């Protein structure tokens, strides 16, 4: 009895699908679904590119800041030797006077 029910439902479903296919409704639905999928893919691609661009900007800024920090450290180390010699001479001179 249950098998007859499944056979009848299967035949009805097949008839419905065949009717939709003949009327072009199934084709229109497939085209609309594909079009929506393509729009979603375009949006995802654009957002992904935006994330990549932002990441590249952050990396470029980090490289720029690293160059600035290295140049400042280099200049400070050059100045430190002169300042250290000046302060040492001043302290030694004060010690000689005391």
PDB file of N, CA and C in Angstrom:
ATOM      1  N   UNK A   1       0.807  -1.179   0.000  1.00  0.00           N
ATOM      2  CA  UNK A   1       0.000   0.000   0.000  1.00  0.00           C
ATOM      3  C   UNK A   1       0.866   1.265   0.000  1.00  0.00           C
ATOM      4  N   UNK A   2       1.915   1.258   0.848  1.00  0.00           N
ATOM      5  CA  UNK A   2       2.790   2.418   0.904  1.00  0.00           C
ATOM      6  C   UNK A   2       3.537   2.607  -0.410  1.00  0.00           C
ATOM      7  N   UNK A   3       3.879   1.492  -1.068  1.00  0.00           N
ATOM      8  CA  UNK A   3       4.604   1.584  -2.344  1.00  0.00           C
ATOM      9  C   UNK A   3       3.747   2.273  -3.395  1.00  0.00           C
ATOM     10  N   UNK A   4       2.465   1.997  -3.391  1.00  0.00           N
ATOM     11  CA  UNK A   4       1.567   2.631  -4.359  1.00  0.00           C
ATOM     12  C   UNK A   4       1.506   4.139  -4.121  1.00  0.00           C
ATOM     13  N   UNK A   5       1.523   4.515  -2.876  1.00  0.00           N
ATOM     14  CA  UNK A   5       1.492   5.935  -2.507  1.00  0.00           C
ATOM     15  C   UNK A   5       2.753   6.641  -3.020  1.00  0.00           C
ATOM     16  N   UNK A   6       3.927   6.025  -2.814  1.00  0.00           N
ATOM     17  CA  UNK A   6       5.184   6.605  -3.285  1.00  0.00           C
ATOM     18  C   UNK A   6       5.225   6.678  -4.812  1.00  0.00           C
ATOM     19  N   UNK A   7       4.706   5.651  -5.468  1.00  0.00           N
ATOM     20  CA  UNK A   7       4.671   5.636  -6.935  1.00  0.00           C
ATOM     21  C   UNK A   7       3.764   6.762  -7.435  1.00  0.00           C
ATOM     22  N   UNK A   8       2.633   6.919  -6.794  1.00  0.00           N
ATOM     23  CA  UNK A   8       1.690   7.965  -7.212  1.00  0.00           C
ATOM     24  C   UNK A   8       2.296   9.348  -6.990  1.00  0.00           C
ATOM     25  N   UNK A   9       2.944   9.555  -5.856  1.00  0.00           N
ATOM     26  CA  UNK A   9       3.585  10.853  -5.555  1.00  0.00           C
ATOM     27  C   UNK A   9       4.725  11.115  -6.522  1.00  0.00           C
ATOM     28  N   UNK A  10       5.507  10.098  -6.832  1.00  0.00           N
ATOM     29  CA  UNK A  10       6.612  10.243  -7.788  1.00  0.00           C
ATOM     30  C   UNK A  10       6.113  10.606  -9.163  1.00  0.00           C
ATOM     31  N   UNK A  11       5.034   9.965  -9.577  1.00  0.00           N
ATOM     32  CA  UNK A  11       4.451  10.260 -10.894  1.00  0.00           C
ATOM     33  C   UNK A  11       3.905  11.676 -10.923  1.00  0.00           C
ATOM     34  N   UNK A  12       3.285  12.114  -9.834  1.00  0.00           N
ATOM     35  CA  UNK A  12       2.743  13.477  -9.764  1.00  0.00           C
ATOM     36  C   UNK A  12       3.868  14.501  -9.800  1.00  0.00           C
ATOM     37  N   UNK A  13       4.939  14.227  -9.067  1.00  0.00           N
ATOM     38  CA  UNK A  13       6.076  15.147  -9.048  1.00  0.00           C
ATOM     39  C   UNK A  13       6.726  15.212 -10.424  1.00  0.00           C
ATOM     40  N   UNK A  14       6.872  14.066 -11.078  1.00  0.00           N
ATOM     41  CA  UNK A  14       7.456  14.041 -12.420  1.00  0.00           C
ATOM     42  C   UNK A  14       6.583  14.814 -13.392  1.00  0.00           C
ATOM     43  N   UNK A  15       5.278  14.663 -13.270  1.00  0.00           N
ATOM     44  CA  UNK A  15       4.354  15.407 -14.125  1.00  0.00           C
ATOM     45  C   UNK A  15       4.442  16.901 -13.887  1.00  0.00           C
ATOM     46  N   UNK A  16       4.572  17.293 -12.625  1.00  0.00           N
ATOM     47  CA  UNK A  16       4.672  18.717 -12.294  1.00  0.00           C
ATOM     48  C   UNK A  16       5.959  19.306 -12.860  1.00  0.00           C
ATOM     49  N   UNK A  17       7.065  18.598 -12.703  1.00  0.00           N
ATOM     50  CA  UNK A  17       8.345  19.067 -13.228  1.00  0.00           C
ATOM     51  C   UNK A  17       8.298  19.148 -14.749  1.00  0.00           C
ATOM     52  N   UNK A  18       7.701  18.167 -15.371  1.00  0.00           N
ATOM     53  CA  UNK A  18       7.576  18.175 -16.832  1.00  0.00           C
ATOM     54  C   UNK A  18       6.715  19.348 -17.282  1.00  0.00           C
ATOM     55  N   UNK A  19       5.648  19.621 -16.563  1.00  0.00           N
ATOM     56  CA  UNK A  19       4.786  20.755 -16.896  1.00  0.00           C
ATOM     57  C   UNK A  19       5.522  22.073 -16.752  1.00  0.00           C
ATOM     58  N   UNK A  20       6.304  22.203 -15.682  1.00  0.00           N
ATOM     59  CA  UNK A  20       7.089  23.431 -15.482  1.00  0.00           C
ATOM     60  C   UNK A  20       8.147  23.579 -16.562  1.00  0.00           C
ATOM     61  N   UNK A  21       8.747  22.487 -16.948  1.00  0.00           N
ATOM     62  CA  UNK A  21       9.773  22.535 -17.981  1.00  0.00           C
ATOM     63  C   UNK A  21       9.161  22.938 -19.321  1.00  0.00           C
ATOM     64  N   UNK A  22       7.990  22.411 -19.640  1.00  0.00           N
ATOM     65  CA  UNK A  22       7.333  22.741 -20.906  1.00  0.00           C
ATOM     66  C   UNK A  22       6.882  24.195 -20.940  1.00  0.00           C
ATOM     67  N   UNK A  23       6.486  24.734 -19.809  1.00  0.00           N
ATOM     68  CA  UNK A  23       6.000  26.118 -19.777  1.00  0.00           C
ATOM     69  C   UNK A  23       7.148  27.124 -19.758  1.00  0.00           C
ATOM     70  N   UNK A  24       8.359  26.675 -19.540  1.00  0.00           N
ATOM     71  CA  UNK A  24       9.510  27.584 -19.497  1.00  0.00           C
ATOM     72  C   UNK A  24       9.741  28.169 -18.118  1.00  0.00           C
ATOM     73  N   UNK A  25       8.868  27.877 -17.185  1.00  0.00           N
ATOM     74  CA  UNK A  25       8.998  28.418 -15.832  1.00  0.00           C
ATOM     75  C   UNK A  25      10.245  27.876 -15.142  1.00  0.00           C
ATOM     76  N   UNK A  26      10.528  26.608 -15.360  1.00  0.00           N
ATOM     77  CA  UNK A  26      11.708  26.000 -14.754  1.00  0.00           C
ATOM     78  C   UNK A  26      12.981  26.653 -15.293  1.00  0.00           C
ATOM     79  N   UNK A  27      12.996  26.923 -16.583  1.00  0.00           N
ATOM     80  CA  UNK A  27      14.157  27.566 -17.210  1.00  0.00           C
ATOM     81  C   UNK A  27      14.338  28.990 -16.662  1.00  0.00           C
ATOM     82  N   UNK A  28      13.240  29.723 -16.554  1.00  0.00           N
ATOM     83  CA  UNK A  28      13.304  31.093 -16.029  1.00  0.00           C
ATOM     84  C   UNK A  28      13.819  31.101 -14.585  1.00  0.00           C
ATOM     85  N   UNK A  29      13.368  30.145 -13.799  1.00  0.00           N
ATOM     86  CA  UNK A  29      13.821  30.051 -12.407  1.00  0.00           C
ATOM     87  C   UNK A  29      15.311  29.729 -12.343  1.00  0.00           C
ATOM     88  N   UNK A  30      15.761  28.829 -13.221  1.00  0.00           N
ATOM     89  CA  UNK A  30      17.187  28.475 -13.243  1.00  0.00           C
ATOM     90  C   UNK A  30      18.027  29.679 -13.658  1.00  0.00           C
ATOM     91  N   UNK A  31      17.553  30.449 -14.648  1.00  0.00           N
ATOM     92  CA  UNK A  31      18.280  31.645 -15.093  1.00  0.00           C
ATOM     93  C   UNK A  31      18.321  32.680 -13.969  1.00  0.00           C
ATOM     94  N   UNK A  32      17.211  32.885 -13.294  1.00  0.00           N
ATOM     95  CA  UNK A  32      17.171  33.859 -12.195  1.00  0.00           C
ATOM     96  C   UNK A  32      18.104  33.445 -11.062  1.00  0.00           C
ATOM     97  N   UNK A  33      18.118  32.172 -10.742  1.00  0.00           N
ATOM     98  CA  UNK A  33      19.004  31.674  -9.686  1.00  0.00           C
ATOM     99  C   UNK A  33      20.466  31.849 -10.069  1.00  0.00           C
ATOM    100  N   UNK A  34      20.792  31.538 -11.324  1.00  0.00           N
ATOM    101  CA  UNK A  34      22.166  31.693 -11.793  1.00  0.00           C
ATOM    102  C   UNK A  34      22.577  33.163 -11.776  1.00  0.00           C
ATOM    103  N   UNK A  35      21.683  34.038 -12.194  1.00  0.00           N
ATOM    104  CA  UNK A  35      21.959  35.480 -12.202  1.00  0.00           C
ATOM    105  C   UNK A  35      22.205  35.983 -10.780  1.00  0.00           C
ATOM    106  N   UNK A  36      21.389  35.546  -9.841  1.00  0.00           N
ATOM    107  CA  UNK A  36      21.572  35.942  -8.443  1.00  0.00           C
ATOM    108  C   UNK A  36      22.907  35.433  -7.916  1.00  0.00           C
ATOM    109  N   UNK A  37      23.259  34.213  -8.283  1.00  0.00           N
ATOM    110  CA  UNK A  37      24.547  33.659  -7.859  1.00  0.00           C
ATOM    111  C   UNK A  37      25.712  34.448  -8.427  1.00  0.00           C
ATOM    112  N   UNK A  38      25.589  34.891  -9.664  1.00  0.00           N
ATOM    113  CA  UNK A  38      26.656  35.678 -10.283  1.00  0.00           C
ATOM    114  C   UNK A  38      26.794  37.040  -9.605  1.00  0.00           C
ATOM    115  N   UNK A  39      25.662  37.642  -9.228  1.00  0.00           N
ATOM    116  CA  UNK A  39      25.706  38.927  -8.517  1.00  0.00           C
ATOM    117  C   UNK A  39      26.394  38.767  -7.162  1.00  0.00           C
ATOM    118  N   UNK A  40      26.054  37.697  -6.468  1.00  0.00           N
ATOM    119  CA  UNK A  40      26.690  37.429  -5.171  1.00  0.00           C
ATOM    120  C   UNK A  40      28.198  37.239  -5.355  1.00  0.00           C
ATOM    121  N   UNK A  41      28.581  36.503  -6.400  1.00  0.00           N
ATOM    122  CA  UNK A  41      30.007  36.283  -6.666  1.00  0.00           C
ATOM    123  C   UNK A  41      30.711  37.599  -6.953  1.00  0.00           C
ATOM    124  N   UNK A  42      30.066  38.504  -7.692  1.00  0.00           N
ATOM    125  CA  UNK A  42      30.672  39.804  -7.980  1.00  0.00           C
ATOM    126  C   UNK A  42      30.864  40.620  -6.701  1.00  0.00           C
ATOM    127  N   UNK A  43      29.866  40.596  -5.828  1.00  0.00           N
ATOM    128  CA  UNK A  43      29.961  41.333  -4.564  1.00  0.00           C
ATOM    129  C   UNK A  43      31.072  40.754  -3.695  1.00  0.00           C
ATOM    130  N   UNK A  44      31.138  39.441  -3.616  1.00  0.00           N
ATOM    131  CA  UNK A  44      32.177  38.789  -2.807  1.00  0.00           C
ATOM    132  C   UNK A  44      33.564  39.113  -3.366  1.00  0.00           C
ATOM    133  N   UNK A  45      33.691  39.100  -4.695  1.00  0.00           N
ATOM    134  CA  UNK A  45      34.979  39.424  -5.313  1.00  0.00           C
ATOM    135  C   UNK A  45      35.374  40.858  -4.991  1.00  0.00           C
ATOM    136  N   UNK A  46      34.438  41.787  -5.084  1.00  0.00           N
ATOM    137  CA  UNK A  46      34.731  43.193  -4.785  1.00  0.00           C
ATOM    138  C   UNK A  46      35.133  43.372  -3.322  1.00  0.00           C
ATOM    139  N   UNK A  47      34.418  42.730  -2.413  1.00  0.00           N
ATOM    140  CA  UNK A  47      34.751  42.846  -0.991  1.00  0.00           C
ATOM    141  C   UNK A  47      36.105  42.218  -0.685  1.00  0.00           C
ATOM    142  N   UNK A  48      36.384  41.092  -1.316  1.00  0.00           N
ATOM    143  CA  UNK A  48      37.676  40.441  -1.118  1.00  0.00           C
ATOM    144  C   UNK A  48      38.807  41.351  -1.595  1.00  0.00           C
ATOM    145  N   UNK A  49      38.606  42.003  -2.738  1.00  0.00           N
ATOM    146  CA  UNK A  49      39.622  42.920  -3.256  1.00  0.00           C
ATOM    147  C   UNK A  49      39.807  44.106  -2.316  1.00  0.00           C
ATOM    148  N   UNK A  50      38.728  44.593  -1.726  1.00  0.00           N
ATOM    149  CA  UNK A  50      38.822  45.695  -0.776  1.00  0.00           C
ATOM    150  C   UNK A  50      39.643  45.285   0.442  1.00  0.00           C
ATOM    151  N   UNK A  51      39.434  44.074   0.916  1.00  0.00           N
ATOM    152  CA  UNK A  51      40.214  43.580   2.065  1.00  0.00           C
ATOM    153  C   UNK A  51      41.692  43.471   1.694  1.00  0.00           C
ATOM    154  N   UNK A  52      41.977  42.964   0.499  1.00  0.00           N
ATOM    155  CA  UNK A  52      43.368  42.835   0.038  1.00  0.00           C
ATOM    156  C   UNK A  52      44.013  44.211  -0.075  1.00  0.00           C
ATOM    157  N   UNK A  53      43.276  45.185  -0.628  1.00  0.00           N
ATOM    158  CA  UNK A  53      43.809  46.540  -0.762  1.00  0.00           C
ATOM    159  C   UNK A  53      44.098  47.154   0.605  1.00  0.00           C
ATOM    160  N   UNK A  54      43.188  46.970   1.550  1.00  0.00           N
ATOM    161  CA  UNK A  54      43.410  47.496   2.901  1.00  0.00           C
ATOM    162  C   UNK A  54      44.627  46.843   3.557  1.00  0.00           C
ATOM    163  N   UNK A  55      44.777  45.551   3.374  1.00  0.00           N
ATOM    164  CA  UNK A  55      45.926  44.841   3.942  1.00  0.00           C
ATOM    165  C   UNK A  55      47.225  45.339   3.316  1.00  0.00           C
ATOM    166  N   UNK A  56      47.221  45.593   2.015  1.00  0.00           N
ATOM    167  CA  UNK A  56      48.414  46.138   1.355  1.00  0.00           C
ATOM    168  C   UNK A  56      48.743  47.527   1.884  1.00  0.00           C
ATOM    169  N   UNK A  57      47.718  48.348   2.126  1.00  0.00           N
ATOM    170  CA  UNK A  57      47.940  49.685   2.686  1.00  0.00           C
ATOM    171  C   UNK A  57      48.559  49.600   4.081  1.00  0.00           C
ATOM    172  N   UNK A  58      48.048  48.690   4.888  1.00  0.00           N
ATOM    173  CA  UNK A  58      48.575  48.525   6.250  1.00  0.00           C
ATOM    174  C   UNK A  58      50.037  48.058   6.195  1.00  0.00           C
ATOM    175  N   UNK A  59      50.334  47.124   5.308  1.00  0.00           N
ATOM    176  CA  UNK A  59      51.705  46.620   5.177  1.00  0.00           C
ATOM    177  C   UNK A  59      52.650  47.720   4.689  1.00  0.00           C
ATOM    178  N   UNK A  60      52.196  48.528   3.743  1.00  0.00           N
ATOM    179  CA  UNK A  60      53.030  49.630   3.236  1.00  0.00           C
ATOM    180  C   UNK A  60      53.295  50.651   4.340  1.00  0.00           C
ATOM    181  N   UNK A  61      52.295  50.951   5.136  1.00  0.00           N
ATOM    182  CA  UNK A  61      52.477  51.901   6.239  1.00  0.00           C
ATOM    183  C   UNK A  61      53.433  51.334   7.288  1.00  0.00           C
ATOM    184  N   UNK A  62      53.341  50.035   7.541  1.00  0.00           N
ATOM    185  CA  UNK A  62      54.264  49.406   8.499  1.00  0.00           C
ATOM    186  C   UNK A  62      55.703  49.464   7.988  1.00  0.00           C
ATOM    187  N   UNK A  63      55.911  49.231   6.686  1.00  0.00           N
ATOM    188  CA  UNK A  63      57.262  49.340   6.111  1.00  0.00           C
ATOM    189  C   UNK A  63      57.771  50.769   6.207  1.00  0.00           C
ATOM    190  N   UNK A  64      56.899  51.745   5.923  1.00  0.00           N
ATOM    191  CA  UNK A  64      57.281  53.162   6.020  1.00  0.00           C
ATOM    192  C   UNK A  64      57.693  53.513   7.456  1.00  0.00           C
ATOM    193  N   UNK A  65      56.884  53.086   8.420  1.00  0.00           N
ATOM    194  CA  UNK A  65      57.181  53.393   9.824  1.00  0.00           C
ATOM    195  C   UNK A  65      58.474  52.714  10.274  1.00  0.00           C
ATOM    196  N   UNK A  66      58.731  51.517   9.787  1.00  0.00           N
ATOM    197  CA  UNK A  66      59.973  50.817  10.139  1.00  0.00           C
ATOM    198  C   UNK A  66      61.183  51.568   9.596  1.00  0.00           C
ATOM    199  N   UNK A  67      61.075  52.112   8.382  1.00  0.00           N
ATOM    200  CA  UNK A  67      62.180  52.897   7.821  1.00  0.00           C
ATOM    201  C   UNK A  67      62.420  54.165   8.637  1.00  0.00           C
ATOM    202  N   UNK A  68      61.328  54.824   9.036  1.00  0.00           N
ATOM    203  CA  UNK A  68      61.452  56.032   9.863  1.00  0.00           C
ATOM    204  C   UNK A  68      62.110  55.698  11.189  1.00  0.00           C
ATOM    205  N   UNK A  69      61.653  54.634  11.839  1.00  0.00           N
ATOM    206  CA  UNK A  69      62.217  54.239  13.133  1.00  0.00           C
ATOM    207  C   UNK A  69      63.700  53.897  13.010  1.00  0.00           C
ATOM    208  N   UNK A  70      64.077  53.217  11.946  1.00  0.00           N
ATOM    209  CA  UNK A  70      65.485  52.863  11.743  1.00  0.00           C
ATOM    210  C   UNK A  70      66.334  54.111  11.522  1.00  0.00           C
ATOM    211  N   UNK A  71      65.819  55.068  10.753  1.00  0.00           N
ATOM    212  CA  UNK A  71      66.575  56.299  10.498  1.00  0.00           C
ATOM    213  C   UNK A  71      66.730  57.117  11.772  1.00  0.00           C
ATOM    214  N   UNK A  72      65.677  57.195  12.574  1.00  0.00           N
ATOM    215  CA  UNK A  72      65.751  57.930  13.844  1.00  0.00           C
ATOM    216  C   UNK A  72      66.751  57.254  14.783  1.00  0.00           C
ATOM    217  N   UNK A  73      66.697  55.945  14.888  1.00  0.00           N
ATOM    218  CA  UNK A  73      67.635  55.223  15.756  1.00  0.00           C
ATOM    219  C   UNK A  73      69.073  55.433  15.293  1.00  0.00           C
ATOM    220  N   UNK A  74      69.292  55.451  13.988  1.00  0.00           N
ATOM    221  CA  UNK A  74      70.632  55.677  13.444  1.00  0.00           C
ATOM    222  C   UNK A  74      71.137  57.076  13.808  1.00  0.00           C
ATOM    223  N   UNK A  75      70.253  58.069  13.624  1.00  0.00           N
ATOM    224  CA  UNK A  75      70.653  59.445  13.953  1.00  0.00           C
ATOM    225  C   UNK A  75      70.901  59.595  15.451  1.00  0.00           C
ATOM    226  N   UNK A  76      70.069  58.979  16.272  1.00  0.00           N
ATOM    227  CA  UNK A  76      70.253  59.071  17.723  1.00  0.00           C
ATOM    228  C   UNK A  76      71.546  58.408  18.165  1.00  0.00           C
ATOM    229  N   UNK A  77      71.895  57.300  17.565  1.00  0.00           N
ATOM    230  CA  UNK A  77      73.140  56.631  17.957  1.00  0.00           C
ATOM    231  C   UNK A  77      74.344  57.492  17.575  1.00  0.00           C
ATOM    232  N   UNK A  78      74.266  58.216  16.456  1.00  0.00           N
ATOM    233  CA  UNK A  78      75.365  59.105  16.068  1.00  0.00           C
ATOM    234  C   UNK A  78      75.463  60.279  17.038  1.00  0.00           C
ATOM    235  N   UNK A  79      74.334  60.811  17.444  1.00  0.00           N
ATOM    236  CA  UNK A  79      74.336  61.933  18.393  1.00  0.00           C
ATOM    237  C   UNK A  79      74.735  61.482  19.788  1.00  0.00           C
ATOM    238  N   UNK A  80      74.394  60.267  20.150  1.00  0.00           N
ATOM    239  CA  UNK A  80      74.670  59.774  21.497  1.00  0.00           C
ATOM    240  C   UNK A  80      76.166  59.765  21.794  1.00  0.00           C
ATOM    241  N   UNK A  81      76.970  59.388  20.844  1.00  0.00           N
ATOM    242  CA  UNK A  81      78.422  59.351  21.072  1.00  0.00           C
ATOM    243  C   UNK A  81      78.948  60.750  21.401  1.00  0.00           C
ATOM    244  N   UNK A  82      78.501  61.759  20.650  1.00  0.00           N
ATOM    245  CA  UNK A  82      78.937  63.132  20.924  1.00  0.00           C
ATOM    246  C   UNK A  82      78.427  63.625  22.270  1.00  0.00           C
ATOM    247  N   UNK A  83      77.173  63.358  22.572  1.00  0.00           N
ATOM    248  CA  UNK A  83      76.590  63.789  23.846  1.00  0.00           C
ATOM    249  C   UNK A  83      77.287  63.094  25.007  1.00  0.00           C
ATOM    250  N   UNK A  84      77.558  61.794  24.858  1.00  0.00           N
ATOM    251  CA  UNK A  84      78.215  61.042  25.921  1.00  0.00           C
ATOM    252  C   UNK A  84      79.616  61.609  26.195  1.00  0.00           C
ATOM    253  N   UNK A  85      80.338  61.916  25.145  1.00  0.00           N
ATOM    254  CA  UNK A  85      81.689  62.482  25.320  1.00  0.00           C
ATOM    255  C   UNK A  85      81.607  63.845  26.001  1.00  0.00           C
ATOM    256  N   UNK A  86      80.649  64.669  25.610  1.00  0.00           N
ATOM    257  CA  UNK A  86      80.481  65.997  26.207  1.00  0.00           C
ATOM    258  C   UNK A  86      80.127  65.902  27.691  1.00  0.00           C
ATOM    259  N   UNK A  87      79.178  65.022  28.021  1.00  0.00           N
ATOM    260  CA  UNK A  87      78.753  64.867  29.412  1.00  0.00           C
ATOM    261  C   UNK A  87      79.881  64.276  30.252  1.00  0.00           C
ATOM    262  N   UNK A  88      80.609  63.333  29.726  1.00  0.00           N
ATOM    263  CA  UNK A  88      81.722  62.723  30.443  1.00  0.00           C
ATOM    264  C   UNK A  88      82.774  63.777  30.748  1.00  0.00           C
ATOM    265  N   UNK A  89      83.089  64.590  29.771  1.00  0.00           N
ATOM    266  CA  UNK A  89      84.093  65.658  29.985  1.00  0.00           C
ATOM    267  C   UNK A  89      83.606  66.641  31.040  1.00  0.00           C
ATOM    268  N   UNK A  90      82.318  66.981  31.014  1.00  0.00           N
ATOM    269  CA  UNK A  90      81.773  67.926  31.992  1.00  0.00           C
ATOM    270  C   UNK A  90      81.838  67.339  33.402  1.00  0.00           C
ATOM    271  N   UNK A  91      81.451  66.065  33.545  1.00  0.00           N
ATOM    272  CA  UNK A  91      81.458  65.416  34.857  1.00  0.00           C
ATOM    273  C   UNK A  91      82.906  65.315  35.359  1.00  0.00           C
ATOM    274  N   UNK A  92      83.816  64.947  34.473  1.00  0.00           N
ATOM    275  CA  UNK A  92      85.223  64.843  34.873  1.00  0.00           C
ATOM    276  C   UNK A  92      85.779  66.194  35.294  1.00  0.00           C
ATOM    277  N   UNK A  93      85.361  67.239  34.597  1.00  0.00           N
ATOM    278  CA  UNK A  93      85.833  68.578  34.936  1.00  0.00           C
ATOM    279  C   UNK A  93      85.287  69.010  36.299  1.00  0.00           C
ATOM    280  N   UNK A  94      84.028  68.689  36.564  1.00  0.00           N
ATOM    281  CA  UNK A  94      83.456  69.010  37.864  1.00  0.00           C
ATOM    282  C   UNK A  94      84.141  68.224  38.972  1.00  0.00           C
ATOM    283  N   UNK A  95      84.508  66.986  38.685  1.00  0.00           N
ATOM    284  CA  UNK A  95      85.178  66.164  39.678  1.00  0.00           C
ATOM    285  C   UNK A  95      86.567  66.690  39.979  1.00  0.00           C
ATOM    286  N   UNK A  96      87.233  67.240  39.005  1.00  0.00           N
ATOM    287  CA  UNK A  96      88.570  67.792  39.197  1.00  0.00           C
ATOM    288  C   UNK A  96      88.498  69.057  40.022  1.00  0.00           C
ATOM    289  N   UNK A  97      87.420  69.816  39.897  1.00  0.00           N
ATOM    290  CA  UNK A  97      87.279  71.064  40.632  1.00  0.00           C
ATOM    291  C   UNK A  97      86.887  70.787  42.095  1.00  0.00           C
ATOM    292  N   UNK A  98      86.237  69.691  42.359  1.00  0.00           N
ATOM    293  CA  UNK A  98      85.753  69.428  43.719  1.00  0.00           C
ATOM    294  C   UNK A  98      86.825  69.016  44.641  1.00  0.00           C
TER     295      UNK A  98
END
